[in-house]
Each structure stands twice: as C-alpha cells, then as structure tokens.
Amino acid sequence: MYDSTLLRQKAEEQITMHSFEWDLNLSEIDIIQLHHEFHVFQIELQMQNEELALQNNEKDKRASELIIANKELIFQNEEKQKRAAELVIANKELIFQNNEKENRAAELIIANKELIFQNEEKGKRAAELIIANNELIFQNNEKENRAAELIIANEELIFQNKEKIKRAQELIKKSNDLEQMNSFFLNREIKMMDLVNELNKLKEKEGLK
C-alpha cells in the first residue's frame, strides 16, 4: 500500500524539477473549469489510489495464501518424506521377513528330505525284519518237522523194542534150556531200552530247545 505523504513529496519534487508557467490572466469561468478539472482529477487520482490499495491488499492476501500454501506444501513434502522413510523401513522389514520365510522353507525342505530318508531306512529295516521273521518261521517249521520225524522214529524204535521183547518172551517159553541165555539177552535188551529211553529223552530235550 502506498504512503500518501511519500506520494505528495514525490509530486512536489516533480514540480520543483519542472518549471511550470502559470497564466494569471484567467477568467472566472476558466478558473471554475480549471478547479472542476482539478477536482475531477483529484477524485480520479483518489479512486486510482483506492484501486491500487485494493490491489495491494489482494496481493498481500494472495501472498499470505501463497505462504500458507507453501507451508502446507512443505508440510506435505515432509510427510511424504516421512512416509517414504517408513516405506523404506517397511520394505526392509518385508525383505527380512521374506528372507526368513525362504530360510524357513529351505530348512523345511532339508527336514522333509531327512524325514523321507528316515522313512526309507525304516522301510528297509522293516523289510529286513520281515525277511528275518520269515527265516525264523522257516527254521521253526524245520525244527517242528525234525521233532515230528524224531517222534515217529522214536515210536518206531519203541515198537521194534516191544516186538523184540515179545519175541524174547516167546523164545523163553519155547526153550527152558536157553533160559540163562535168554535172561542174558533180556537183560541186554532191557539195557538197550534204557539207553533208547535215555536217547529219546535227550532227543526230546533237544527237540524242545
């Protein structure tokens, strides 16, 4: 906004610098007209000053608005920078989490491979146990078959021994003269039976084992 005192001072300086010649031989009508023109010019000048002052006020308001807008823009830029920094931190955190997930996935893959290997080893061990179990069953069956064969052989031997005893008894009845000899043979057969029984007992014990 212009200062009226300063404006008047500048105007007086312009008058001083330029020598104006005043015509003093003016009629009353000229003076009235001149006064009217001066008054109109003064009003125009005042209106221009008011318009200029209004424009200056508008400029000041616009400048204030621009200052406020500039501060708002600075604030927004600072917020954007803060947000960018937060995004950088969040991005780093996300990268760290992704790395952790990848590491965890790699650990899970290794653990899964180890579990598969252990399961394969268990499967192999189970197959070996099945083979060993089948072999044990086969050996048990062979032992049972052998025991059955021994029982049959023992029964056959017992039958033969009984037949021999019967034959010896018949021979004793037929010949009293051979009684002593028959007694000898009988005692011998008895001893043989004892040995056979002992043998059978040993075989039975072996079969039970």
N, C-alpha and C. Protein backbone atom coordinates (compact mmCIF):
# COMPACT_ATOMS: atom_id res chain seq x y z
N MET A 1 0.85 -1.19 0.00
CA MET A 1 0.00 0.00 0.00
C MET A 1 0.89 1.25 0.00
N TYR A 2 0.53 2.26 -0.87
CA TYR A 2 1.36 3.45 -0.99
C TYR A 2 1.12 4.40 0.16
N ASP A 3 2.21 5.15 0.55
CA ASP A 3 2.14 6.16 1.59
C ASP A 3 1.79 7.50 0.93
N SER A 4 0.68 8.16 1.39
CA SER A 4 0.22 9.42 0.76
C SER A 4 1.25 10.53 0.96
N THR A 5 1.90 10.54 2.10
CA THR A 5 2.92 11.57 2.37
C THR A 5 4.09 11.43 1.41
N LEU A 6 4.53 10.20 1.22
CA LEU A 6 5.62 9.93 0.29
C LEU A 6 5.22 10.29 -1.13
N LEU A 7 3.98 10.01 -1.49
CA LEU A 7 3.49 10.33 -2.84
C LEU A 7 3.45 11.83 -3.05
N ARG A 8 3.02 12.57 -2.04
CA ARG A 8 2.99 14.05 -2.15
C ARG A 8 4.39 14.61 -2.27
N GLN A 9 5.31 14.06 -1.52
CA GLN A 9 6.70 14.52 -1.56
C GLN A 9 7.28 14.33 -2.96
N LYS A 10 7.00 13.18 -3.56
CA LYS A 10 7.49 12.91 -4.91
C LYS A 10 6.86 13.86 -5.92
N ALA A 11 5.57 14.15 -5.73
CA ALA A 11 4.89 15.08 -6.64
C ALA A 11 5.49 16.47 -6.56
N GLU A 12 5.79 16.96 -5.31
CA GLU A 12 6.41 18.27 -5.15
C GLU A 12 7.79 18.31 -5.77
N GLU A 13 8.51 17.21 -5.68
CA GLU A 13 9.83 17.15 -6.31
C GLU A 13 9.71 17.26 -7.83
N GLN A 14 8.65 16.67 -8.42
CA GLN A 14 8.43 16.77 -9.86
C GLN A 14 8.12 18.21 -10.26
N ILE A 15 7.36 18.92 -9.41
CA ILE A 15 7.02 20.31 -9.71
C ILE A 15 8.27 21.18 -9.63
N THR A 16 9.10 20.88 -8.66
CA THR A 16 10.33 21.67 -8.49
C THR A 16 11.27 21.47 -9.67
N MET A 17 11.35 20.21 -10.13
CA MET A 17 12.23 19.90 -11.24
C MET A 17 11.75 20.53 -12.54
N HIS A 18 10.46 20.70 -12.73
CA HIS A 18 9.92 21.28 -13.96
C HIS A 18 9.33 22.65 -13.62
N SER A 19 9.76 23.61 -14.35
CA SER A 19 9.25 24.98 -14.10
C SER A 19 7.95 25.15 -14.86
N PHE A 20 6.86 25.24 -14.13
CA PHE A 20 5.55 25.43 -14.73
C PHE A 20 5.27 26.92 -14.83
N GLU A 21 4.75 27.35 -15.96
CA GLU A 21 4.36 28.74 -16.15
C GLU A 21 2.86 28.87 -15.94
N TRP A 22 2.49 29.65 -14.98
CA TRP A 22 1.08 29.83 -14.64
C TRP A 22 0.54 31.07 -15.35
N ASP A 23 -0.56 30.89 -16.00
CA ASP A 23 -1.23 32.01 -16.67
C ASP A 23 -2.18 32.65 -15.68
N LEU A 24 -1.81 33.84 -15.21
CA LEU A 24 -2.61 34.51 -14.19
C LEU A 24 -3.76 35.29 -14.79
N ASN A 25 -3.76 35.46 -16.10
CA ASN A 25 -4.83 36.20 -16.76
C ASN A 25 -5.95 35.26 -17.16
N LEU A 26 -6.52 34.57 -16.17
CA LEU A 26 -7.60 33.61 -16.42
C LEU A 26 -8.91 34.25 -16.02
N SER A 27 -9.93 33.93 -16.80
CA SER A 27 -11.27 34.43 -16.47
C SER A 27 -11.86 33.60 -15.35
N GLU A 28 -12.91 34.09 -14.81
CA GLU A 28 -13.56 33.38 -13.70
C GLU A 28 -14.08 32.03 -14.17
N ILE A 29 -14.55 31.98 -15.43
CA ILE A 29 -15.07 30.71 -15.97
C ILE A 29 -13.94 29.72 -16.12
N ASP A 30 -12.76 30.24 -16.58
CA ASP A 30 -11.62 29.34 -16.74
C ASP A 30 -11.16 28.80 -15.40
N ILE A 31 -11.21 29.69 -14.41
CA ILE A 31 -10.77 29.25 -13.07
C ILE A 31 -11.74 28.18 -12.54
N ILE A 32 -13.07 28.44 -12.77
CA ILE A 32 -14.05 27.45 -12.30
C ILE A 32 -13.84 26.12 -13.02
N GLN A 33 -13.59 26.22 -14.34
CA GLN A 33 -13.39 25.00 -15.11
C GLN A 33 -12.12 24.28 -14.69
N LEU A 34 -11.08 25.14 -14.48
CA LEU A 34 -9.81 24.56 -14.03
C LEU A 34 -9.97 23.90 -12.66
N HIS A 35 -10.73 24.57 -11.80
CA HIS A 35 -10.98 23.99 -10.46
C HIS A 35 -11.75 22.68 -10.58
N HIS A 36 -12.73 22.70 -11.52
CA HIS A 36 -13.51 21.48 -11.74
C HIS A 36 -12.62 20.35 -12.25
N GLU A 37 -11.76 20.66 -13.21
CA GLU A 37 -10.87 19.65 -13.77
C GLU A 37 -9.93 19.12 -12.70
N PHE A 38 -9.43 20.10 -11.88
CA PHE A 38 -8.52 19.68 -10.80
C PHE A 38 -9.23 18.79 -9.80
N HIS A 39 -10.48 19.15 -9.51
CA HIS A 39 -11.26 18.34 -8.54
C HIS A 39 -11.54 16.94 -9.12
N VAL A 40 -11.91 16.90 -10.42
CA VAL A 40 -12.16 15.61 -11.06
C VAL A 40 -10.90 14.78 -11.08
N PHE A 41 -9.77 15.45 -11.43
CA PHE A 41 -8.50 14.73 -11.47
C PHE A 41 -8.13 14.20 -10.08
N GLN A 42 -8.40 15.03 -9.07
CA GLN A 42 -8.09 14.61 -7.70
C GLN A 42 -8.93 13.39 -7.30
N ILE A 43 -10.22 13.41 -7.69
CA ILE A 43 -11.10 12.28 -7.38
C ILE A 43 -10.63 11.02 -8.12
N GLU A 44 -10.26 11.21 -9.43
CA GLU A 44 -9.75 10.08 -10.21
C GLU A 44 -8.48 9.51 -9.57
N LEU A 45 -7.62 10.46 -9.15
CA LEU A 45 -6.39 10.01 -8.51
C LEU A 45 -6.68 9.26 -7.21
N GLN A 46 -7.65 9.76 -6.47
CA GLN A 46 -8.03 9.08 -5.23
C GLN A 46 -8.61 7.70 -5.51
N MET A 47 -9.45 7.64 -6.57
CA MET A 47 -10.04 6.35 -6.94
C MET A 47 -8.95 5.36 -7.39
N GLN A 48 -7.98 5.93 -8.17
CA GLN A 48 -6.88 5.06 -8.59
C GLN A 48 -6.06 4.58 -7.40
N ASN A 49 -5.87 5.51 -6.43
CA ASN A 49 -5.14 5.11 -5.21
C ASN A 49 -5.89 4.04 -4.43
N GLU A 50 -7.23 4.22 -4.37
CA GLU A 50 -8.03 3.21 -3.67
C GLU A 50 -7.97 1.87 -4.41
N GLU A 51 -8.04 1.95 -5.76
CA GLU A 51 -7.95 0.72 -6.55
C GLU A 51 -6.58 0.05 -6.37
N LEU A 52 -5.54 0.94 -6.35
CA LEU A 52 -4.20 0.41 -6.16
C LEU A 52 -4.05 -0.22 -4.77
N ALA A 53 -4.66 0.48 -3.77
CA ALA A 53 -4.59 -0.06 -2.41
C ALA A 53 -5.34 -1.39 -2.33
N LEU A 54 -6.50 -1.48 -3.04
CA LEU A 54 -7.26 -2.73 -3.05
C LEU A 54 -6.45 -3.84 -3.70
N GLN A 55 -5.79 -3.48 -4.81
CA GLN A 55 -4.95 -4.48 -5.48
C GLN A 55 -3.79 -4.93 -4.59
N ASN A 56 -3.23 -3.90 -3.89
CA ASN A 56 -2.14 -4.27 -2.97
C ASN A 56 -2.64 -5.18 -1.85
N ASN A 57 -3.86 -4.88 -1.35
CA ASN A 57 -4.44 -5.77 -0.32
C ASN A 57 -4.66 -7.18 -0.86
N GLU A 58 -5.16 -7.23 -2.09
CA GLU A 58 -5.37 -8.52 -2.72
C GLU A 58 -4.04 -9.26 -2.90
N LYS A 59 -3.01 -8.45 -3.30
CA LYS A 59 -1.69 -9.07 -3.44
C LYS A 59 -1.17 -9.58 -2.10
N ASP A 60 -1.41 -8.76 -1.04
CA ASP A 60 -0.97 -9.20 0.29
C ASP A 60 -1.70 -10.47 0.72
N LYS A 61 -3.03 -10.47 0.45
CA LYS A 61 -3.81 -11.68 0.78
C LYS A 61 -3.31 -12.88 -0.02
N ARG A 62 -3.06 -12.60 -1.33
CA ARG A 62 -2.58 -13.69 -2.18
C ARG A 62 -1.22 -14.18 -1.71
N ALA A 63 -0.36 -13.21 -1.29
CA ALA A 63 0.95 -13.59 -0.78
C ALA A 63 0.82 -14.41 0.50
N SER A 64 -0.13 -13.98 1.38
CA SER A 64 -0.36 -14.75 2.62
C SER A 64 -0.86 -16.15 2.29
N GLU A 65 -1.80 -16.20 1.32
CA GLU A 65 -2.31 -17.51 0.91
C GLU A 65 -1.20 -18.38 0.32
N LEU A 66 -0.31 -17.72 -0.48
CA LEU A 66 0.81 -18.47 -1.05
C LEU A 66 1.77 -18.95 0.03
N ILE A 67 1.96 -18.11 1.06
CA ILE A 67 2.84 -18.51 2.17
C ILE A 67 2.23 -19.71 2.90
N ILE A 68 0.90 -19.58 3.14
CA ILE A 68 0.21 -20.71 3.81
C ILE A 68 0.27 -21.96 2.94
N ALA A 69 0.01 -21.78 1.61
CA ALA A 69 0.06 -22.92 0.70
C ALA A 69 1.47 -23.50 0.64
N ASN A 70 2.50 -22.60 0.68
CA ASN A 70 3.88 -23.06 0.65
C ASN A 70 4.20 -23.86 1.92
N LYS A 71 3.73 -23.34 3.07
CA LYS A 71 3.93 -24.08 4.33
C LYS A 71 3.23 -25.43 4.27
N GLU A 72 1.99 -25.43 3.72
CA GLU A 72 1.25 -26.69 3.59
C GLU A 72 1.99 -27.66 2.67
N LEU A 73 2.55 -27.06 1.57
CA LEU A 73 3.29 -27.90 0.64
C LEU A 73 4.56 -28.45 1.30
N ILE A 74 5.24 -27.59 2.10
CA ILE A 74 6.43 -28.06 2.83
C ILE A 74 6.05 -29.16 3.81
N PHE A 75 4.90 -28.94 4.51
CA PHE A 75 4.43 -29.94 5.46
C PHE A 75 4.12 -31.26 4.75
N GLN A 76 3.43 -31.14 3.60
CA GLN A 76 3.10 -32.35 2.83
C GLN A 76 4.37 -33.05 2.34
N ASN A 77 5.36 -32.25 1.89
CA ASN A 77 6.62 -32.86 1.45
C ASN A 77 7.33 -33.57 2.60
N GLU A 78 7.29 -32.92 3.79
CA GLU A 78 7.90 -33.56 4.96
C GLU A 78 7.16 -34.85 5.30
N GLU A 79 5.82 -34.79 5.21
CA GLU A 79 5.03 -36.01 5.46
C GLU A 79 5.34 -37.09 4.43
N LYS A 80 5.50 -36.64 3.16
CA LYS A 80 5.86 -37.60 2.12
C LYS A 80 7.23 -38.23 2.40
N GLN A 81 8.16 -37.38 2.84
CA GLN A 81 9.49 -37.90 3.16
C GLN A 81 9.44 -38.88 4.33
N LYS A 82 8.62 -38.50 5.36
CA LYS A 82 8.44 -39.43 6.48
C LYS A 82 7.81 -40.74 6.01
N ARG A 83 6.78 -40.58 5.16
CA ARG A 83 6.11 -41.78 4.64
C ARG A 83 7.07 -42.61 3.80
N ALA A 84 7.92 -41.92 3.00
CA ALA A 84 8.90 -42.64 2.19
C ALA A 84 9.89 -43.38 3.09
N ALA A 85 10.32 -42.69 4.19
CA ALA A 85 11.23 -43.36 5.13
C ALA A 85 10.57 -44.57 5.77
N GLU A 86 9.27 -44.38 6.16
CA GLU A 86 8.53 -45.50 6.75
C GLU A 86 8.39 -46.64 5.74
N LEU A 87 8.14 -46.28 4.47
CA LEU A 87 8.03 -47.32 3.43
C LEU A 87 9.36 -48.03 3.22
N VAL A 88 10.46 -47.27 3.31
CA VAL A 88 11.78 -47.90 3.18
C VAL A 88 12.00 -48.90 4.31
N ILE A 89 11.65 -48.45 5.55
CA ILE A 89 11.79 -49.35 6.71
C ILE A 89 10.88 -50.56 6.55
N ALA A 90 9.62 -50.31 6.13
CA ALA A 90 8.67 -51.42 5.95
C ALA A 90 9.15 -52.36 4.85
N ASN A 91 9.75 -51.79 3.79
CA ASN A 91 10.27 -52.62 2.70
C ASN A 91 11.42 -53.48 3.19
N LYS A 92 12.31 -52.87 4.00
CA LYS A 92 13.42 -53.64 4.57
C LYS A 92 12.89 -54.76 5.46
N GLU A 93 11.85 -54.43 6.27
CA GLU A 93 11.25 -55.45 7.14
C GLU A 93 10.63 -56.56 6.31
N LEU A 94 9.96 -56.16 5.20
CA LEU A 94 9.35 -57.16 4.32
C LEU A 94 10.41 -58.04 3.68
N ILE A 95 11.52 -57.42 3.25
CA ILE A 95 12.62 -58.20 2.67
C ILE A 95 13.18 -59.17 3.70
N PHE A 96 13.34 -58.67 4.96
CA PHE A 96 13.85 -59.53 6.03
C PHE A 96 12.90 -60.69 6.28
N GLN A 97 11.59 -60.39 6.33
CA GLN A 97 10.61 -61.45 6.54
C GLN A 97 10.62 -62.46 5.39
N ASN A 98 10.76 -61.96 4.16
CA ASN A 98 10.82 -62.87 3.01
C ASN A 98 12.06 -63.76 3.08
N ASN A 99 13.19 -63.14 3.49
CA ASN A 99 14.41 -63.93 3.65
C ASN A 99 14.23 -65.00 4.73
N GLU A 100 13.56 -64.60 5.84
CA GLU A 100 13.31 -65.57 6.91
C GLU A 100 12.41 -66.69 6.41
N LYS A 101 11.38 -66.32 5.61
CA LYS A 101 10.50 -67.34 5.06
C LYS A 101 11.25 -68.28 4.13
N GLU A 102 12.15 -67.70 3.30
CA GLU A 102 12.94 -68.54 2.40
C GLU A 102 13.86 -69.47 3.19
N ASN A 103 14.48 -68.91 4.26
CA ASN A 103 15.34 -69.75 5.10
C ASN A 103 14.53 -70.87 5.76
N ARG A 104 13.34 -70.50 6.24
CA ARG A 104 12.47 -71.50 6.88
C ARG A 104 12.04 -72.55 5.87
N ALA A 105 11.73 -72.11 4.63
CA ALA A 105 11.34 -73.06 3.59
C ALA A 105 12.49 -74.00 3.27
N ALA A 106 13.73 -73.44 3.22
CA ALA A 106 14.90 -74.29 2.96
C ALA A 106 15.10 -75.30 4.09
N GLU A 107 14.90 -74.82 5.35
CA GLU A 107 15.03 -75.74 6.50
C GLU A 107 13.96 -76.83 6.43
N LEU A 108 12.75 -76.45 6.04
CA LEU A 108 11.67 -77.44 5.93
C LEU A 108 11.97 -78.46 4.83
N ILE A 109 12.55 -77.97 3.73
CA ILE A 109 12.91 -78.90 2.64
C ILE A 109 13.95 -79.90 3.12
N ILE A 110 14.97 -79.38 3.85
CA ILE A 110 16.00 -80.28 4.38
C ILE A 110 15.40 -81.27 5.37
N ALA A 111 14.52 -80.74 6.28
CA ALA A 111 13.88 -81.62 7.26
C ALA A 111 13.00 -82.66 6.57
N ASN A 112 12.32 -82.25 5.49
CA ASN A 112 11.48 -83.18 4.75
C ASN A 112 12.32 -84.27 4.09
N LYS A 113 13.45 -83.87 3.51
CA LYS A 113 14.35 -84.86 2.91
C LYS A 113 14.87 -85.84 3.97
N GLU A 114 15.21 -85.29 5.15
CA GLU A 114 15.69 -86.14 6.23
C GLU A 114 14.60 -87.10 6.68
N LEU A 115 13.36 -86.61 6.75
CA LEU A 115 12.25 -87.46 7.14
C LEU A 115 12.01 -88.55 6.10
N ILE A 116 12.11 -88.19 4.81
CA ILE A 116 11.95 -89.19 3.74
C ILE A 116 13.04 -90.24 3.85
N PHE A 117 14.29 -89.77 4.11
CA PHE A 117 15.40 -90.72 4.26
C PHE A 117 15.17 -91.66 5.43
N GLN A 118 14.71 -91.10 6.57
CA GLN A 118 14.44 -91.93 7.74
C GLN A 118 13.32 -92.93 7.46
N ASN A 119 12.28 -92.47 6.74
CA ASN A 119 11.19 -93.39 6.40
C ASN A 119 11.67 -94.52 5.48
N GLU A 120 12.55 -94.15 4.53
CA GLU A 120 13.11 -95.18 3.65
C GLU A 120 13.95 -96.18 4.45
N GLU A 121 14.74 -95.65 5.41
CA GLU A 121 15.54 -96.54 6.26
C GLU A 121 14.63 -97.43 7.10
N LYS A 122 13.53 -96.85 7.62
CA LYS A 122 12.58 -97.66 8.39
C LYS A 122 11.94 -98.74 7.51
N GLY A 123 11.63 -98.35 6.24
CA GLY A 123 11.07 -99.33 5.31
C GLY A 123 12.04 -100.46 5.04
N LYS A 124 13.34 -100.08 4.83
CA LYS A 124 14.35 -101.12 4.61
C LYS A 124 14.48 -102.01 5.84
N ARG A 125 14.49 -101.37 7.02
CA ARG A 125 14.61 -102.14 8.25
C ARG A 125 13.41 -103.06 8.43
N ALA A 126 12.22 -102.57 8.10
CA ALA A 126 11.02 -103.39 8.21
C ALA A 126 11.10 -104.58 7.25
N ALA A 127 11.61 -104.32 6.02
CA ALA A 127 11.76 -105.41 5.05
C ALA A 127 12.76 -106.46 5.56
N GLU A 128 13.85 -105.96 6.15
CA GLU A 128 14.84 -106.89 6.71
C GLU A 128 14.25 -107.71 7.85
N LEU A 129 13.44 -107.03 8.70
CA LEU A 129 12.79 -107.75 9.81
C LEU A 129 11.81 -108.80 9.29
N ILE A 130 11.09 -108.47 8.20
CA ILE A 130 10.15 -109.43 7.61
C ILE A 130 10.92 -110.65 7.10
N ILE A 131 12.05 -110.38 6.40
CA ILE A 131 12.86 -111.49 5.88
C ILE A 131 13.39 -112.34 7.04
N ALA A 132 13.90 -111.65 8.11
CA ALA A 132 14.42 -112.38 9.26
C ALA A 132 13.31 -113.17 9.95
N ASN A 133 12.12 -112.58 10.03
CA ASN A 133 10.98 -113.27 10.64
C ASN A 133 10.58 -114.49 9.83
N ASN A 134 10.57 -114.34 8.50
CA ASN A 134 10.25 -115.49 7.63
C ASN A 134 11.28 -116.60 7.79
N GLU A 135 12.56 -116.16 7.90
CA GLU A 135 13.62 -117.14 8.09
C GLU A 135 13.46 -117.87 9.43
N LEU A 136 13.08 -117.10 10.47
CA LEU A 136 12.87 -117.71 11.78
C LEU A 136 11.69 -118.67 11.75
N ILE A 137 10.62 -118.27 11.05
CA ILE A 137 9.46 -119.16 10.91
C ILE A 137 9.86 -120.44 10.19
N PHE A 138 10.66 -120.27 9.11
CA PHE A 138 11.11 -121.44 8.37
C PHE A 138 11.94 -122.37 9.26
N GLN A 139 12.86 -121.76 10.04
CA GLN A 139 13.68 -122.58 10.95
C GLN A 139 12.81 -123.27 12.00
N ASN A 140 11.82 -122.58 12.52
CA ASN A 140 10.91 -123.20 13.49
C ASN A 140 10.13 -124.36 12.87
N ASN A 141 9.69 -124.13 11.63
CA ASN A 141 8.97 -125.21 10.93
C ASN A 141 9.89 -126.42 10.71
N GLU A 142 11.15 -126.14 10.35
CA GLU A 142 12.10 -127.22 10.17
C GLU A 142 12.33 -127.97 11.48
N LYS A 143 12.44 -127.19 12.58
CA LYS A 143 12.62 -127.83 13.89
C LYS A 143 11.40 -128.70 14.25
N GLU A 144 10.22 -128.17 13.96
CA GLU A 144 9.00 -128.92 14.25
C GLU A 144 8.94 -130.19 13.40
N ASN A 145 9.33 -130.04 12.11
CA ASN A 145 9.35 -131.23 11.23
C ASN A 145 10.37 -132.26 11.73
N ARG A 146 11.52 -131.75 12.16
CA ARG A 146 12.55 -132.63 12.68
C ARG A 146 12.09 -133.31 13.96
N ALA A 147 11.41 -132.55 14.81
CA ALA A 147 10.89 -133.12 16.06
C ALA A 147 9.84 -134.19 15.76
N ALA A 148 8.98 -133.91 14.74
CA ALA A 148 7.96 -134.89 14.36
C ALA A 148 8.62 -136.16 13.83
N GLU A 149 9.67 -135.97 13.02
CA GLU A 149 10.38 -137.12 12.50
C GLU A 149 11.03 -137.93 13.63
N LEU A 150 11.59 -137.22 14.60
CA LEU A 150 12.20 -137.89 15.74
C LEU A 150 11.15 -138.65 16.57
N ILE A 151 9.98 -138.05 16.70
CA ILE A 151 8.91 -138.73 17.44
C ILE A 151 8.50 -140.03 16.72
N ILE A 152 8.37 -139.90 15.36
CA ILE A 152 7.99 -141.09 14.57
C ILE A 152 9.07 -142.16 14.69
N ALA A 153 10.33 -141.71 14.57
CA ALA A 153 11.44 -142.67 14.69
C ALA A 153 11.46 -143.30 16.08
N ASN A 154 11.18 -142.50 17.09
CA ASN A 154 11.16 -143.00 18.46
C ASN A 154 10.03 -144.00 18.65
N GLU A 155 8.87 -143.65 18.09
CA GLU A 155 7.74 -144.58 18.19
C GLU A 155 8.05 -145.89 17.46
N GLU A 156 8.70 -145.77 16.29
CA GLU A 156 9.09 -146.98 15.55
C GLU A 156 10.09 -147.81 16.34
N LEU A 157 11.02 -147.12 16.98
CA LEU A 157 12.01 -147.83 17.79
C LEU A 157 11.36 -148.50 19.00
N ILE A 158 10.43 -147.80 19.62
CA ILE A 158 9.70 -148.39 20.75
C ILE A 158 8.92 -149.62 20.30
N PHE A 159 8.28 -149.47 19.09
CA PHE A 159 7.53 -150.60 18.55
C PHE A 159 8.45 -151.78 18.29
N GLN A 160 9.60 -151.50 17.70
CA GLN A 160 10.55 -152.57 17.43
C GLN A 160 11.05 -153.22 18.73
N ASN A 161 11.27 -152.35 19.73
CA ASN A 161 11.71 -152.89 21.02
C ASN A 161 10.64 -153.79 21.67
N LYS A 162 9.41 -153.34 21.54
CA LYS A 162 8.31 -154.15 22.07
C LYS A 162 8.22 -155.50 21.33
N GLU A 163 8.41 -155.45 20.01
CA GLU A 163 8.38 -156.69 19.22
C GLU A 163 9.53 -157.62 19.63
N LYS A 164 10.67 -157.01 19.86
CA LYS A 164 11.82 -157.81 20.30
C LYS A 164 11.56 -158.43 21.67
N ILE A 165 10.93 -157.67 22.58
CA ILE A 165 10.62 -158.21 23.91
C ILE A 165 9.64 -159.38 23.80
N LYS A 166 8.64 -159.17 22.92
CA LYS A 166 7.67 -160.26 22.71
C LYS A 166 8.38 -161.50 22.15
N ARG A 167 9.27 -161.26 21.20
CA ARG A 167 9.99 -162.38 20.59
C ARG A 167 10.87 -163.08 21.63
N ALA A 168 11.48 -162.27 22.49
CA ALA A 168 12.33 -162.85 23.54
C ALA A 168 11.51 -163.65 24.53
N GLN A 169 10.34 -163.13 24.85
CA GLN A 169 9.47 -163.87 25.78
C GLN A 169 9.01 -165.19 25.15
N GLU A 170 8.73 -165.15 23.84
CA GLU A 170 8.32 -166.39 23.15
C GLU A 170 9.47 -167.41 23.16
N LEU A 171 10.69 -166.89 22.94
CA LEU A 171 11.84 -167.78 22.95
C LEU A 171 12.06 -168.40 24.34
N ILE A 172 11.78 -167.60 25.41
CA ILE A 172 11.93 -168.12 26.79
C ILE A 172 10.94 -169.25 27.03
N LYS A 173 9.73 -169.03 26.50
CA LYS A 173 8.70 -170.06 26.69
C LYS A 173 9.05 -171.33 25.93
N LYS A 174 9.62 -171.18 24.74
CA LYS A 174 9.91 -172.36 23.91
C LYS A 174 11.09 -173.19 24.45
N SER A 175 12.02 -172.49 25.07
CA SER A 175 13.20 -173.27 25.49
C SER A 175 13.62 -172.84 26.88
N ASN A 176 13.36 -173.79 27.83
CA ASN A 176 13.81 -173.52 29.19
C ASN A 176 15.31 -173.66 29.29
N ASP A 177 15.88 -174.49 28.35
CA ASP A 177 17.32 -174.69 28.38
C ASP A 177 18.07 -173.40 28.09
N LEU A 178 17.43 -172.60 27.32
CA LEU A 178 18.11 -171.34 26.95
C LEU A 178 17.70 -170.18 27.87
N GLU A 179 17.21 -170.57 29.06
CA GLU A 179 16.68 -169.55 29.98
C GLU A 179 17.76 -168.56 30.39
N GLN A 180 18.95 -169.15 30.74
CA GLN A 180 20.00 -168.25 31.17
C GLN A 180 20.42 -167.31 30.03
N MET A 181 20.54 -167.95 28.83
CA MET A 181 20.93 -167.13 27.67
C MET A 181 19.85 -166.07 27.37
N ASN A 182 18.61 -166.55 27.47
CA ASN A 182 17.51 -165.61 27.23
C ASN A 182 17.48 -164.50 28.27
N SER A 183 17.83 -164.93 29.54
CA SER A 183 17.87 -163.91 30.59
C SER A 183 18.95 -162.87 30.27
N PHE A 184 20.09 -163.44 29.77
CA PHE A 184 21.17 -162.53 29.39
C PHE A 184 20.73 -161.56 28.30
N PHE A 185 20.10 -162.19 27.26
CA PHE A 185 19.63 -161.33 26.17
C PHE A 185 18.54 -160.36 26.63
N LEU A 186 17.71 -160.85 27.56
CA LEU A 186 16.64 -160.00 28.06
C LEU A 186 17.20 -158.80 28.82
N ASN A 187 18.19 -159.14 29.68
CA ASN A 187 18.84 -158.05 30.41
C ASN A 187 19.50 -157.05 29.45
N ARG A 188 20.07 -157.69 28.42
CA ARG A 188 20.71 -156.83 27.42
C ARG A 188 19.68 -155.94 26.70
N GLU A 189 18.57 -156.50 26.37
CA GLU A 189 17.52 -155.74 25.70
C GLU A 189 16.98 -154.63 26.61
N ILE A 190 16.90 -155.02 27.91
CA ILE A 190 16.40 -154.02 28.86
C ILE A 190 17.36 -152.83 28.93
N LYS A 191 18.65 -153.19 28.97
CA LYS A 191 19.64 -152.13 28.99
C LYS A 191 19.55 -151.28 27.72
N MET A 192 19.34 -152.00 26.60
CA MET A 192 19.19 -151.26 25.34
C MET A 192 17.98 -150.33 25.37
N MET A 193 16.92 -150.82 25.95
CA MET A 193 15.72 -149.97 26.08
C MET A 193 15.98 -148.75 26.96
N ASP A 194 16.73 -149.02 28.04
CA ASP A 194 17.08 -147.88 28.91
C ASP A 194 17.89 -146.84 28.14
N LEU A 195 18.85 -147.40 27.37
CA LEU A 195 19.67 -146.47 26.57
C LEU A 195 18.81 -145.71 25.55
N VAL A 196 17.88 -146.47 24.94
CA VAL A 196 16.99 -145.82 23.96
C VAL A 196 16.14 -144.76 24.62
N ASN A 197 15.63 -145.10 25.80
CA ASN A 197 14.81 -144.12 26.52
C ASN A 197 15.63 -142.88 26.86
N GLU A 198 16.87 -143.14 27.31
CA GLU A 198 17.73 -142.01 27.61
C GLU A 198 17.99 -141.18 26.34
N LEU A 199 18.22 -141.96 25.25
CA LEU A 199 18.42 -141.27 23.98
C LEU A 199 17.19 -140.48 23.57
N ASN A 200 16.03 -141.07 23.76
CA ASN A 200 14.77 -140.37 23.43
C ASN A 200 14.58 -139.13 24.28
N LYS A 201 14.91 -139.30 25.56
CA LYS A 201 14.78 -138.13 26.45
C LYS A 201 15.71 -137.00 26.01
N LEU A 202 16.93 -137.44 25.64
CA LEU A 202 17.89 -136.41 25.15
C LEU A 202 17.38 -135.77 23.88
N LYS A 203 16.81 -136.63 22.98
CA LYS A 203 16.28 -136.07 21.73
C LYS A 203 15.08 -135.17 21.97
N GLU A 204 14.25 -135.58 22.94
CA GLU A 204 13.10 -134.73 23.26
C GLU A 204 13.52 -133.40 23.81
N LYS A 205 14.53 -133.44 24.68
CA LYS A 205 15.05 -132.20 25.23
C LYS A 205 15.62 -131.33 24.11
N GLU A 206 16.34 -132.01 23.20
CA GLU A 206 16.90 -131.25 22.07
C GLU A 206 15.79 -130.69 21.19
N GLY A 207 14.75 -131.47 21.01
CA GLY A 207 13.61 -131.01 20.18
C GLY A 207 12.91 -129.84 20.85
N LEU A 208 12.76 -129.87 22.16
CA LEU A 208 12.11 -128.77 22.87
C LEU A 208 12.92 -127.50 22.76
N LYS A 209 14.21 -127.58 22.76
CA LYS A 209 15.06 -126.41 22.60
C LYS A 209 14.88 -125.82 21.22
